[in-house]
PDB file of N, CA and C in Angstrom:
ATOM      1  N   MET A   1     -99.750  59.970 -99.521  1.00  0.00           N
ATOM      2  CA  MET A   1     -98.539  59.951 -98.443  1.00  0.00           C
ATOM      3  C   MET A   1     -98.792  58.868 -97.071  1.00  0.00           C
ATOM      4  N   THR A   2     -97.976  57.823 -96.916  1.00  0.00           N
ATOM      5  CA  THR A   2     -98.404  57.193 -95.659  1.00  0.00           C
ATOM      6  C   THR A   2     -97.075  57.662 -95.061  1.00  0.00           C
ATOM      7  N   SER A   3     -97.584  57.388 -93.531  1.00  0.00           N
ATOM      8  CA  SER A   3     -96.295  57.661 -92.530  1.00  0.00           C
ATOM      9  C   SER A   3     -95.354  56.620 -92.543  1.00  0.00           C
ATOM     10  N   THR A   4     -94.216  56.950 -91.711  1.00  0.00           N
ATOM     11  CA  THR A   4     -93.240  55.776 -91.652  1.00  0.00           C
ATOM     12  C   THR A   4     -93.492  55.415 -90.102  1.00  0.00           C
ATOM     13  N   GLU A   5     -92.913  53.730 -90.233  1.00  0.00           N
ATOM     14  CA  GLU A   5     -92.921  53.421 -89.041  1.00  0.00           C
ATOM     15  C   GLU A   5     -92.565  54.455 -87.403  1.00  0.00           C
ATOM     16  N   PRO A   6     -91.167  54.806 -87.734  1.00  0.00           N
ATOM     17  CA  PRO A   6     -90.927  55.621 -86.281  1.00  0.00           C
ATOM     18  C   PRO A   6     -91.837  57.149 -86.104  1.00  0.00           C
ATOM     19  N   ASP A   7     -92.337  57.398 -87.405  1.00  0.00           N
ATOM     20  CA  ASP A   7     -93.037  58.734 -87.515  1.00  0.00           C
ATOM     21  C   ASP A   7     -94.739  58.111 -86.652  1.00  0.00           C
ATOM     22  N   GLN A   8     -94.628  56.953 -86.934  1.00  0.00           N
ATOM     23  CA  GLN A   8     -96.056  56.529 -86.542  1.00  0.00           C
ATOM     24  C   GLN A   8     -95.941  56.209 -84.943  1.00  0.00           C
ATOM     25  N   ALA A   9     -94.861  55.640 -84.887  1.00  0.00           N
ATOM     26  CA  ALA A   9     -94.336  55.641 -83.119  1.00  0.00           C
ATOM     27  C   ALA A   9     -94.402  56.876 -82.230  1.00  0.00           C
ATOM     28  N   ILE A  10     -93.743  57.762 -83.142  1.00  0.00           N
ATOM     29  CA  ILE A  10     -93.307  59.309 -82.747  1.00  0.00           C
ATOM     30  C   ILE A  10     -95.197  59.904 -82.328  1.00  0.00           C
ATOM     31  N   MET A  11     -96.118  59.796 -83.145  1.00  0.00           N
ATOM     32  CA  MET A  11     -97.469  60.207 -83.266  1.00  0.00           C
ATOM     33  C   MET A  11     -98.487  59.515 -82.160  1.00  0.00           C
ATOM     34  N   ALA A  12     -98.111  57.983 -81.813  1.00  0.00           N
ATOM     35  CA  ALA A  12     -98.387  57.181 -80.855  1.00  0.00           C
ATOM     36  C   ALA A  12     -97.844  58.043 -79.357  1.00  0.00           C
ATOM     37  N   ALA A  13     -96.730  58.412 -79.484  1.00  0.00           N
ATOM     38  CA  ALA A  13     -96.365  58.875 -77.947  1.00  0.00           C
ATOM     39  C   ALA A  13     -96.782  60.127 -77.724  1.00  0.00           C
ATOM     40  N   ILE A  14     -97.019  60.764 -78.574  1.00  0.00           N
ATOM     41  CA  ILE A  14     -97.129  62.275 -78.374  1.00  0.00           C
ATOM     42  C   ILE A  14     -99.122  62.331 -78.460  1.00  0.00           C
ATOM     43  N   GLU A  15     -99.766  61.305 -78.555  1.00  0.00           N
ATOM     44  CA  GLU A  15    -101.312  61.099 -78.585  1.00  0.00           C
ATOM     45  C   GLU A  15    -101.541  60.771 -77.336  1.00  0.00           C
ATOM     46  N   ARG A  16    -100.351  60.253 -76.470  1.00  0.00           N
ATOM     47  CA  ARG A  16    -101.114  59.745 -74.962  1.00  0.00           C
ATOM     48  C   ARG A  16    -101.501  61.523 -74.018  1.00  0.00           C
ATOM     49  N   HIS A  17    -100.223  62.044 -74.256  1.00  0.00           N
ATOM     50  CA  HIS A  17    -100.709  63.658 -73.865  1.00  0.00           C
ATOM     51  C   HIS A  17    -101.243  64.436 -74.377  1.00  0.00           C
ATOM     52  N   TRP A  18    -101.485  64.886 -75.576  1.00  0.00           N
ATOM     53  CA  TRP A  18    -101.851  65.525 -76.593  1.00  0.00           C
ATOM     54  C   TRP A  18    -103.558  65.162 -77.346  1.00  0.00           C
ATOM     55  N   THR A  19    -103.953  66.442 -77.201  1.00  0.00           N
ATOM     56  CA  THR A  19    -105.481  65.906 -78.015  1.00  0.00           C
ATOM     57  C   THR A  19    -105.590  66.141 -79.572  1.00  0.00           C
ATOM     58  N   ILE A  20    -106.485  65.560 -80.246  1.00  0.00           N
ATOM     59  CA  ILE A  20    -106.259  65.787 -81.304  1.00  0.00           C
ATOM     60  C   ILE A  20    -106.606  67.175 -81.973  1.00  0.00           C
ATOM     61  N   HIS A  21    -107.116  67.789 -81.042  1.00  0.00           N
ATOM     62  CA  HIS A  21    -107.375  69.414 -81.189  1.00  0.00           C
ATOM     63  C   HIS A  21    -106.206  70.009 -80.665  1.00  0.00           C
ATOM     64  N   ALA A  22    -105.433  69.488 -79.826  1.00  0.00           N
ATOM     65  CA  ALA A  22    -104.123  70.340 -79.859  1.00  0.00           C
ATOM     66  C   ALA A  22    -103.252  70.195 -81.130  1.00  0.00           C
ATOM     67  N   LEU A  23    -102.773  68.853 -81.082  1.00  0.00           N
ATOM     68  CA  LEU A  23    -102.236  68.342 -82.629  1.00  0.00           C
ATOM     69  C   LEU A  23    -102.579  69.278 -83.831  1.00  0.00           C
ATOM     70  N   ARG A  24    -103.764  69.144 -84.092  1.00  0.00           N
ATOM     71  CA  ARG A  24    -104.294  70.169 -85.045  1.00  0.00           C
ATOM     72  C   ARG A  24    -103.775  71.743 -85.280  1.00  0.00           C
ATOM     73  N   ARG A  25    -104.077  72.251 -84.040  1.00  0.00           N
ATOM     74  CA  ARG A  25    -103.776  74.010 -83.827  1.00  0.00           C
ATOM     75  C   ARG A  25    -102.094  73.702 -84.202  1.00  0.00           C
ATOM     76  N   PHE A  26    -101.472  72.696 -82.972  1.00  0.00           N
ATOM     77  CA  PHE A  26    -100.192  73.078 -83.360  1.00  0.00           C
ATOM     78  C   PHE A  26     -99.368  73.110 -85.121  1.00  0.00           C
ATOM     79  N   ARG A  27     -99.879  71.766 -85.966  1.00  0.00           N
ATOM     80  CA  ARG A  27     -99.879  72.154 -86.882  1.00  0.00           C
ATOM     81  C   ARG A  27    -100.127  73.168 -87.938  1.00  0.00           C
ATOM     82  N   GLU A  28    -101.604  73.710 -87.339  1.00  0.00           N
ATOM     83  CA  GLU A  28    -101.911  75.210 -87.834  1.00  0.00           C
ATOM     84  C   GLU A  28    -100.837  76.235 -87.827  1.00  0.00           C
ATOM     85  N   ARG A  29    -100.482  76.552 -86.542  1.00  0.00           N
ATOM     86  CA  ARG A  29     -99.718  77.717 -86.424  1.00  0.00           C
ATOM     87  C   ARG A  29     -97.725  77.219 -86.098  1.00  0.00           C
ATOM     88  N   TYR A  30     -97.965  76.465 -85.949  1.00  0.00           N
ATOM     89  CA  TYR A  30     -96.091  75.849 -86.169  1.00  0.00           C
ATOM     90  C   TYR A  30     -95.879  74.835 -86.925  1.00  0.00           C
ATOM     91  N   ASN A  31     -94.881  74.954 -87.581  1.00  0.00           N
ATOM     92  CA  ASN A  31     -94.194  73.608 -88.596  1.00  0.00           C
ATOM     93  C   ASN A  31     -93.876  72.615 -87.875  1.00  0.00           C
ATOM     94  N   LEU A  32     -94.744  71.371 -87.832  1.00  0.00           N
ATOM     95  CA  LEU A  32     -94.074  70.180 -86.947  1.00  0.00           C
ATOM     96  C   LEU A  32     -92.860  69.527 -87.378  1.00  0.00           C
ATOM     97  N   ASP A  33     -92.097  69.926 -88.625  1.00  0.00           N
ATOM     98  CA  ASP A  33     -90.833  69.700 -88.835  1.00  0.00           C
ATOM     99  C   ASP A  33     -89.983  70.307 -88.154  1.00  0.00           C
ATOM    100  N   ASP A  34     -90.363  71.844 -87.867  1.00  0.00           N
ATOM    101  CA  ASP A  34     -88.949  72.678 -87.483  1.00  0.00           C
ATOM    102  C   ASP A  34     -88.976  71.904 -85.841  1.00  0.00           C
ATOM    103  N   TYR A  35     -89.386  71.053 -85.282  1.00  0.00           N
ATOM    104  CA  TYR A  35     -89.233  70.605 -83.383  1.00  0.00           C
ATOM    105  C   TYR A  35     -88.900  69.171 -83.566  1.00  0.00           C
ATOM    106  N   ASP A  36     -88.000  68.683 -82.807  1.00  0.00           N
ATOM    107  CA  ASP A  36     -87.768  67.715 -82.254  1.00  0.00           C
ATOM    108  C   ASP A  36     -88.627  67.371 -82.086  1.00  0.00           C
ATOM    109  N   PRO A  37     -89.016  65.661 -82.212  1.00  0.00           N
ATOM    110  CA  PRO A  37     -90.406  65.372 -81.362  1.00  0.00           C
ATOM    111  C   PRO A  37     -89.926  64.739 -80.252  1.00  0.00           C
ATOM    112  N   ALA A  38     -88.798  64.539 -79.744  1.00  0.00           N
ATOM    113  CA  ALA A  38     -88.297  64.203 -78.289  1.00  0.00           C
ATOM    114  C   ALA A  38     -88.958  65.446 -77.511  1.00  0.00           C
ATOM    115  N   SER A  39     -88.710  66.360 -78.364  1.00  0.00           N
ATOM    116  CA  SER A  39     -89.228  67.751 -77.212  1.00  0.00           C
ATOM    117  C   SER A  39     -90.477  67.776 -76.979  1.00  0.00           C
ATOM    118  N   LEU A  40     -91.676  67.045 -78.295  1.00  0.00           N
ATOM    119  CA  LEU A  40     -92.889  67.580 -77.945  1.00  0.00           C
ATOM    120  C   LEU A  40     -93.631  66.151 -76.822  1.00  0.00           C
ATOM    121  N   ILE A  41     -92.683  65.040 -77.301  1.00  0.00           N
ATOM    122  CA  ILE A  41     -93.290  63.716 -76.409  1.00  0.00           C
ATOM    123  C   ILE A  41     -93.063  64.178 -74.518  1.00  0.00           C
ATOM    124  N   ASP A  42     -91.974  64.839 -74.861  1.00  0.00           N
ATOM    125  CA  ASP A  42     -91.805  64.631 -73.044  1.00  0.00           C
ATOM    126  C   ASP A  42     -91.885  66.256 -72.619  1.00  0.00           C
ATOM    127  N   LEU A  43     -92.535  66.464 -72.982  1.00  0.00           N
ATOM    128  CA  LEU A  43     -93.387  67.985 -72.714  1.00  0.00           C
ATOM    129  C   LEU A  43     -94.272  68.167 -71.643  1.00  0.00           C
ATOM    130  N   VAL A  44     -95.000  67.253 -71.505  1.00  0.00           N
ATOM    131  CA  VAL A  44     -96.104  66.813 -70.472  1.00  0.00           C
ATOM    132  C   VAL A  44     -95.300  66.696 -68.915  1.00  0.00           C
ATOM    133  N   ASP A  45     -94.209  65.786 -69.346  1.00  0.00           N
ATOM    134  CA  ASP A  45     -93.453  65.453 -68.001  1.00  0.00           C
ATOM    135  C   ASP A  45     -92.281  66.611 -67.326  1.00  0.00           C
ATOM    136  N   ARG A  46     -91.808  67.040 -68.708  1.00  0.00           N
ATOM    137  CA  ARG A  46     -91.329  68.494 -67.642  1.00  0.00           C
ATOM    138  C   ARG A  46     -92.287  69.305 -67.377  1.00  0.00           C
ATOM    139  N   ILE A  47     -93.032  69.188 -67.878  1.00  0.00           N
ATOM    140  CA  ILE A  47     -94.216  70.210 -67.019  1.00  0.00           C
ATOM    141  C   ILE A  47     -94.513  69.942 -65.186  1.00  0.00           C
ATOM    142  N   GLU A  48     -94.648  68.275 -65.237  1.00  0.00           N
ATOM    143  CA  GLU A  48     -95.115  67.586 -64.150  1.00  0.00           C
ATOM    144  C   GLU A  48     -94.193  67.455 -63.338  1.00  0.00           C
ATOM    145  N   LEU A  49     -92.995  67.349 -63.803  1.00  0.00           N
ATOM    146  CA  LEU A  49     -91.667  67.474 -63.092  1.00  0.00           C
ATOM    147  C   LEU A  49     -91.480  68.838 -62.400  1.00  0.00           C
ATOM    148  N   LYS A  50     -91.562  69.952 -63.039  1.00  0.00           N
ATOM    149  CA  LYS A  50     -91.373  70.883 -62.756  1.00  0.00           C
ATOM    150  C   LYS A  50     -92.509  71.713 -61.691  1.00  0.00           C
ATOM    151  N   TYR A  51     -94.000  71.272 -62.135  1.00  0.00           N
ATOM    152  CA  TYR A  51     -95.076  71.594 -61.320  1.00  0.00           C
ATOM    153  C   TYR A  51     -95.983  71.233 -60.314  1.00  0.00           C
ATOM    154  N   ARG A  52     -95.097  69.669 -60.171  1.00  0.00           N
ATOM    155  CA  ARG A  52     -96.264  68.760 -59.950  1.00  0.00           C
ATOM    156  C   ARG A  52     -96.671  68.848 -58.235  1.00  0.00           C
ATOM    157  N   ALA A  53     -95.880  69.071 -57.385  1.00  0.00           N
ATOM    158  CA  ALA A  53     -95.739  69.623 -56.155  1.00  0.00           C
ATOM    159  C   ALA A  53     -96.939  70.776 -56.216  1.00  0.00           C
ATOM    160  N   ALA A  54     -96.734  71.551 -57.064  1.00  0.00           N
ATOM    161  CA  ALA A  54     -97.495  72.973 -57.182  1.00  0.00           C
ATOM    162  C   ALA A  54     -98.984  72.709 -57.219  1.00  0.00           C
ATOM    163  N   PHE A  55     -99.126  72.277 -58.445  1.00  0.00           N
ATOM    164  CA  PHE A  55    -100.440  71.055 -58.976  1.00  0.00           C
ATOM    165  C   PHE A  55    -101.378  70.346 -57.562  1.00  0.00           C
ATOM    166  N   ALA A  56    -100.623  69.903 -56.808  1.00  0.00           N
ATOM    167  CA  ALA A  56    -101.168  69.258 -55.535  1.00  0.00           C
ATOM    168  C   ALA A  56    -101.805  70.215 -54.550  1.00  0.00           C
ATOM    169  N   SER A  57    -101.541  71.425 -54.585  1.00  0.00           N
ATOM    170  CA  SER A  57    -101.702  72.469 -53.664  1.00  0.00           C
ATOM    171  C   SER A  57    -103.321  72.449 -53.922  1.00  0.00           C
ATOM    172  N   PRO A  58    -104.166  72.852 -52.925  1.00  0.00           N
ATOM    173  CA  PRO A  58    -105.400  73.383 -53.522  1.00  0.00           C
ATOM    174  C   PRO A  58    -105.804  74.443 -54.155  1.00  0.00           C
ATOM    175  N   TYR A  59    -104.352  75.368 -53.907  1.00  0.00           N
ATOM    176  CA  TYR A  59    -104.583  76.858 -54.812  1.00  0.00           C
ATOM    177  C   TYR A  59    -104.835  76.218 -56.148  1.00  0.00           C
ATOM    178  N   TRP A  60    -104.293  75.568 -56.770  1.00  0.00           N
ATOM    179  CA  TRP A  60    -104.880  75.137 -58.664  1.00  0.00           C
ATOM    180  C   TRP A  60    -106.250  74.728 -58.020  1.00  0.00           C
ATOM    181  N   ASP A  61    -106.756  73.994 -57.796  1.00  0.00           N
ATOM    182  CA  ASP A  61    -108.045  73.956 -57.392  1.00  0.00           C
ATOM    183  C   ASP A  61    -109.165  74.637 -59.036  1.00  0.00           C
ATOM    184  N   PRO A  62    -108.943  75.937 -58.527  1.00  0.00           N
ATOM    185  CA  PRO A  62    -110.346  76.804 -59.060  1.00  0.00           C
ATOM    186  C   PRO A  62    -109.994  76.620 -60.743  1.00  0.00           C
ATOM    187  N   TYR A  63    -108.594  76.558 -61.053  1.00  0.00           N
ATOM    188  CA  TYR A  63    -107.468  76.495 -62.443  1.00  0.00           C
ATOM    189  C   TYR A  63    -107.803  75.199 -63.177  1.00  0.00           C
ATOM    190  N   PRO A  64    -108.761  74.406 -63.656  1.00  0.00           N
ATOM    191  CA  PRO A  64    -108.716  73.504 -64.298  1.00  0.00           C
ATOM    192  C   PRO A  64    -107.551  73.192 -65.433  1.00  0.00           C
ATOM    193  N   ARG A  65    -107.346  74.539 -65.662  1.00  0.00           N
ATOM    194  CA  ARG A  65    -106.236  74.652 -67.030  1.00  0.00           C
ATOM    195  C   ARG A  65    -105.302  75.542 -66.959  1.00  0.00           C
ATOM    196  N   VAL A  66    -104.204  75.502 -67.146  1.00  0.00           N
ATOM    197  CA  VAL A  66    -103.156  76.661 -67.127  1.00  0.00           C
ATOM    198  C   VAL A  66    -102.830  77.118 -68.388  1.00  0.00           C
ATOM    199  N   MET A  67    -102.051  78.206 -69.010  1.00  0.00           N
ATOM    200  CA  MET A  67    -101.641  78.294 -70.092  1.00  0.00           C
ATOM    201  C   MET A  67     -99.980  78.254 -70.113  1.00  0.00           C
ATOM    202  N   VAL A  68     -99.060  77.380 -70.666  1.00  0.00           N
ATOM    203  CA  VAL A  68     -97.679  76.938 -70.328  1.00  0.00           C
ATOM    204  C   VAL A  68     -97.094  77.701 -71.457  1.00  0.00           C
ATOM    205  N   ILE A  69     -95.892  78.444 -71.050  1.00  0.00           N
ATOM    206  CA  ILE A  69     -95.014  79.048 -72.265  1.00  0.00           C
ATOM    207  C   ILE A  69     -93.834  77.864 -72.465  1.00  0.00           C
ATOM    208  N   ALA A  70     -93.946  76.816 -73.212  1.00  0.00           N
ATOM    209  CA  ALA A  70     -93.004  76.239 -73.373  1.00  0.00           C
ATOM    210  C   ALA A  70     -91.550  76.051 -74.321  1.00  0.00           C
ATOM    211  N   LYS A  71     -90.291  75.889 -74.229  1.00  0.00           N
ATOM    212  CA  LYS A  71     -89.349  76.201 -74.901  1.00  0.00           C
ATOM    213  C   LYS A  71     -89.341  74.383 -75.358  1.00  0.00           C
ATOM    214  N   LEU A  72     -88.984  74.414 -76.550  1.00  0.00           N
ATOM    215  CA  LEU A  72     -88.988  73.306 -77.518  1.00  0.00           C
ATOM    216  C   LEU A  72     -87.792  73.478 -78.457  1.00  0.00           C
ATOM    217  N   THR A  73     -86.812  71.755 -78.256  1.00  0.00           N
ATOM    218  CA  THR A  73     -85.880  71.859 -78.783  1.00  0.00           C
ATOM    219  C   THR A  73     -86.277  71.748 -80.234  1.00  0.00           C
ATOM    220  N   ARG A  74     -85.284  72.509 -81.353  1.00  0.00           N
ATOM    221  CA  ARG A  74     -86.084  72.688 -82.874  1.00  0.00           C
ATOM    222  C   ARG A  74     -84.673  72.138 -83.505  1.00  0.00           C
ATOM    223  N   ARG A  75     -85.396  72.042 -84.870  1.00  0.00           N
ATOM    224  CA  ARG A  75     -84.463  71.817 -85.702  1.00  0.00           C
ATOM    225  C   ARG A  75     -84.153  73.108 -86.798  1.00  0.00           C
ATOM    226  N   ASN A  76     -85.251  73.683 -86.783  1.00  0.00           N
ATOM    227  CA  ASN A  76     -84.929  74.354 -87.660  1.00  0.00           C
ATOM    228  C   ASN A  76     -84.501  75.856 -87.097  1.00  0.00           C
ATOM    229  N   LEU A  77     -83.715  76.279 -87.314  1.00  0.00           N
ATOM    230  CA  LEU A  77     -83.248  77.506 -86.017  1.00  0.00           C
ATOM    231  C   LEU A  77     -83.615  78.819 -86.419  1.00  0.00           C
ATOM    232  N   SER A  78     -84.781  79.247 -87.473  1.00  0.00           N
ATOM    233  CA  SER A  78     -85.447  80.477 -87.505  1.00  0.00           C
ATOM    234  C   SER A  78     -86.010  80.171 -87.468  1.00  0.00           C
ATOM    235  N   ALA A  79     -87.104  79.242 -86.778  1.00  0.00           N
ATOM    236  CA  ALA A  79     -88.272  78.692 -86.193  1.00  0.00           C
ATOM    237  C   ALA A  79     -88.237  79.300 -84.702  1.00  0.00           C
ATOM    238  N   SER A  80     -89.363  79.601 -83.829  1.00  0.00           N
ATOM    239  CA  SER A  80     -89.411  80.012 -82.539  1.00  0.00           C
ATOM    240  C   SER A  80     -89.541  78.601 -81.339  1.00  0.00           C
ATOM    241  N   SER A  81     -88.678  78.983 -80.656  1.00  0.00           N
ATOM    242  CA  SER A  81     -88.117  77.805 -79.816  1.00  0.00           C
ATOM    243  C   SER A  81     -89.487  77.964 -78.537  1.00  0.00           C
ATOM    244  N   LYS A  82     -90.417  78.876 -78.497  1.00  0.00           N
ATOM    245  CA  LYS A  82     -91.457  78.735 -77.511  1.00  0.00           C
ATOM    246  C   LYS A  82     -92.600  78.254 -78.396  1.00  0.00           C
ATOM    247  N   VAL A  83     -93.315  77.987 -77.430  1.00  0.00           N
ATOM    248  CA  VAL A  83     -94.989  77.608 -78.024  1.00  0.00           C
ATOM    249  C   VAL A  83     -95.648  77.726 -76.735  1.00  0.00           C
ATOM    250  N   ARG A  84     -96.975  78.180 -76.930  1.00  0.00           N
ATOM    251  CA  ARG A  84     -97.995  78.580 -76.088  1.00  0.00           C
ATOM    252  C   ARG A  84     -98.961  77.641 -76.035  1.00  0.00           C
ATOM    253  N   ILE A  85     -99.281  76.806 -75.303  1.00  0.00           N
ATOM    254  CA  ILE A  85    -100.253  75.430 -74.711  1.00  0.00           C
ATOM    255  C   ILE A  85    -100.894  76.030 -73.606  1.00  0.00           C
ATOM    256  N   VAL A  86    -102.073  75.262 -73.486  1.00  0.00           N
ATOM    257  CA  VAL A  86    -103.216  75.277 -72.561  1.00  0.00           C
ATOM    258  C   VAL A  86    -103.071  73.727 -71.914  1.00  0.00           C
ATOM    259  N   TYR A  87    -102.850  73.535 -70.998  1.00  0.00           N
ATOM    260  CA  TYR A  87    -102.591  72.079 -70.074  1.00  0.00           C
ATOM    261  C   TYR A  87    -103.829  72.189 -68.998  1.00  0.00           C
ATOM    262  N   GLN A  88    -104.206  70.940 -69.261  1.00  0.00           N
ATOM    263  CA  GLN A  88    -105.244  70.243 -67.680  1.00  0.00           C
ATOM    264  C   GLN A  88    -104.449  69.340 -66.946  1.00  0.00           C
ATOM    265  N   PRO A  89    -103.688  69.784 -65.805  1.00  0.00           N
ATOM    266  CA  PRO A  89    -103.181  69.191 -64.786  1.00  0.00           C
ATOM    267  C   PRO A  89    -103.839  67.854 -64.237  1.00  0.00           C
ATOM    268  N   ARG A  90    -105.157  67.913 -63.711  1.00  0.00           N
ATOM    269  CA  ARG A  90    -105.744  66.617 -63.513  1.00  0.00           C
ATOM    270  C   ARG A  90    -105.840  65.589 -64.226  1.00  0.00           C
ATOM    271  N   GLU A  91    -105.668  65.935 -66.303  1.00  0.00           N
ATOM    272  CA  GLU A  91    -105.792  64.990 -66.615  1.00  0.00           C
ATOM    273  C   GLU A  91    -104.428  64.720 -67.807  1.00  0.00           C
ATOM    274  N   GLN A  92    -103.429  65.582 -66.953  1.00  0.00           N
ATOM    275  CA  GLN A  92    -101.852  65.375 -67.797  1.00  0.00           C
ATOM    276  C   GLN A  92    -102.688  65.526 -69.470  1.00  0.00           C
ATOM    277  N   MET A  93    -102.996  66.611 -69.745  1.00  0.00           N
ATOM    278  CA  MET A  93    -103.012  66.743 -71.329  1.00  0.00           C
ATOM    279  C   MET A  93    -103.063  68.063 -72.305  1.00  0.00           C
ATOM    280  N   ILE A  94    -102.327  68.244 -72.671  1.00  0.00           N
ATOM    281  CA  ILE A  94    -102.456  69.415 -73.745  1.00  0.00           C
ATOM    282  C   ILE A  94    -103.990  69.520 -74.374  1.00  0.00           C
ATOM    283  N   VAL A  95    -104.925  70.480 -74.240  1.00  0.00           N
ATOM    284  CA  VAL A  95    -105.941  70.424 -75.306  1.00  0.00           C
ATOM    285  C   VAL A  95    -106.046  71.182 -76.250  1.00  0.00           C
ATOM    286  N   THR A  96    -105.079  72.380 -76.063  1.00  0.00           N
ATOM    287  CA  THR A  96    -104.908  73.421 -77.580  1.00  0.00           C
ATOM    288  C   THR A  96    -103.754  73.940 -77.726  1.00  0.00           C
ATOM    289  N   VAL A  97    -103.704  74.304 -78.324  1.00  0.00           N
ATOM    290  CA  VAL A  97    -102.312  75.395 -78.438  1.00  0.00           C
ATOM    291  C   VAL A  97    -102.714  76.888 -78.979  1.00  0.00           C
ATOM    292  N   LEU A  98    -102.084  77.796 -78.339  1.00  0.00           N
ATOM    293  CA  LEU A  98    -102.682  79.152 -78.933  1.00  0.00           C
ATOM    294  C   LEU A  98    -101.758  79.509 -79.338  1.00  0.00           C
ATOM    295  N   PRO A  99    -101.686  80.818 -79.909  1.00  0.00           N
ATOM    296  CA  PRO A  99    -100.760  81.738 -81.220  1.00  0.00           C
ATOM    297  C   PRO A  99     -99.811  81.965 -80.193  1.00  0.00           C
ATOM    298  N   LEU A 100     -98.115  82.395 -80.237  1.00  0.00           N
ATOM    299  CA  LEU A 100     -97.428  82.715 -79.140  1.00  0.00           C
ATOM    300  C   LEU A 100     -97.503  84.280 -78.760  1.00  0.00           C
ATOM    301  N   LYS A 101     -98.209  85.432 -79.617  1.00  0.00           N
ATOM    302  CA  LYS A 101     -98.549  86.541 -79.725  1.00  0.00           C
ATOM    303  C   LYS A 101     -99.949  86.524 -79.335  1.00  0.00           C
ATOM    304  N   LEU A 102    -100.386  87.009 -78.352  1.00  0.00           N
ATOM    305  CA  LEU A 102    -102.399  86.673 -77.926  1.00  0.00           C
ATOM    306  C   LEU A 102    -102.732  88.022 -78.076  1.00  0.00           C
ATOM    307  N   ASP A 103    -103.788  88.251 -78.537  1.00  0.00           N
ATOM    308  CA  ASP A 103    -104.552  89.172 -78.982  1.00  0.00           C
ATOM    309  C   ASP A 103    -104.633  90.162 -77.751  1.00  0.00           C
ATOM    310  N   PRO A 104    -104.183  91.342 -77.159  1.00  0.00           N
ATOM    311  CA  PRO A 104    -104.377  91.942 -75.728  1.00  0.00           C
ATOM    312  C   PRO A 104    -105.558  92.124 -75.492  1.00  0.00           C
ATOM    313  N   ASN A 105    -106.689  92.123 -76.419  1.00  0.00           N
ATOM    314  CA  ASN A 105    -108.032  92.540 -76.031  1.00  0.00           C
ATOM    315  C   ASN A 105    -108.791  91.379 -75.860  1.00  0.00           C
ATOM    316  N   ARG A 106    -107.778  90.357 -75.604  1.00  0.00           N
ATOM    317  CA  ARG A 106    -108.651  88.969 -74.931  1.00  0.00           C
ATOM    318  C   ARG A 106    -108.447  88.606 -73.215  1.00  0.00           C
ATOM    319  N   ARG A 107    -109.721  87.962 -73.058  1.00  0.00           N
ATOM    320  CA  ARG A 107    -109.648  88.332 -71.477  1.00  0.00           C
ATOM    321  C   ARG A 107    -109.046  86.843 -71.127  1.00  0.00           C
ATOM    322  N   ASN A 108    -108.372  86.744 -70.114  1.00  0.00           N
ATOM    323  CA  ASN A 108    -107.716  85.734 -69.934  1.00  0.00           C
ATOM    324  C   ASN A 108    -107.632  85.435 -68.297  1.00  0.00           C
ATOM    325  N   LYS A 109    -108.282  83.933 -68.240  1.00  0.00           N
ATOM    326  CA  LYS A 109    -108.059  83.902 -67.023  1.00  0.00           C
ATOM    327  C   LYS A 109    -107.210  82.883 -66.742  1.00  0.00           C
ATOM    328  N   LEU A 110    -106.594  82.226 -67.661  1.00  0.00           N
ATOM    329  CA  LEU A 110    -105.581  81.494 -67.420  1.00  0.00           C
ATOM    330  C   LEU A 110    -104.190  81.388 -66.407  1.00  0.00           C
ATOM    331  N   LYS A 111    -103.971  81.018 -65.359  1.00  0.00           N
ATOM    332  CA  LYS A 111    -102.643  81.509 -65.216  1.00  0.00           C
ATOM    333  C   LYS A 111    -101.524  80.849 -65.582  1.00  0.00           C
ATOM    334  N   THR A 112    -100.530  81.458 -65.876  1.00  0.00           N
ATOM    335  CA  THR A 112     -99.410  81.281 -67.106  1.00  0.00           C
ATOM    336  C   THR A 112     -98.157  80.821 -66.290  1.00  0.00           C
ATOM    337  N   LEU A 113     -97.737  79.555 -66.716  1.00  0.00           N
ATOM    338  CA  LEU A 113     -96.492  79.126 -66.397  1.00  0.00           C
ATOM    339  C   LEU A 113     -95.359  79.002 -67.502  1.00  0.00           C
ATOM    340  N   ARG A 114     -94.045  78.640 -66.749  1.00  0.00           N
ATOM    341  CA  ARG A 114     -93.474  78.133 -68.104  1.00  0.00           C
ATOM    342  C   ARG A 114     -92.528  77.486 -68.007  1.00  0.00           C
ATOM    343  N   VAL A 115     -92.114  76.457 -68.921  1.00  0.00           N
ATOM    344  CA  VAL A 115     -91.306  75.673 -69.020  1.00  0.00           C
ATOM    345  C   VAL A 115     -90.124  75.634 -69.756  1.00  0.00           C
TER     346      VAL A 115
END
């Protein structure tokens, strides 16, 4: 199965801000076809727009990664609109995707933001 040219262009745009690991995790946990590709592409821009001033503060220096609970535009209304990701503000990269419901026994050292 080969990708069409629009699919390749979408994937190239997404890969600017998503690591391969994050894309793999997203495909494992969520159905890629359920979400609008534009919402995946502009997710980092939305995070930066909302938190750019906060990330410039020295408060965030001890936190190289933050957890972001993001709302995505979805094609399939039965799919969850929320996605939990781990974001590196310095590199402006999404490094992994977490399940929406985390294990309560899991230690969490990440600050949580919402977009």
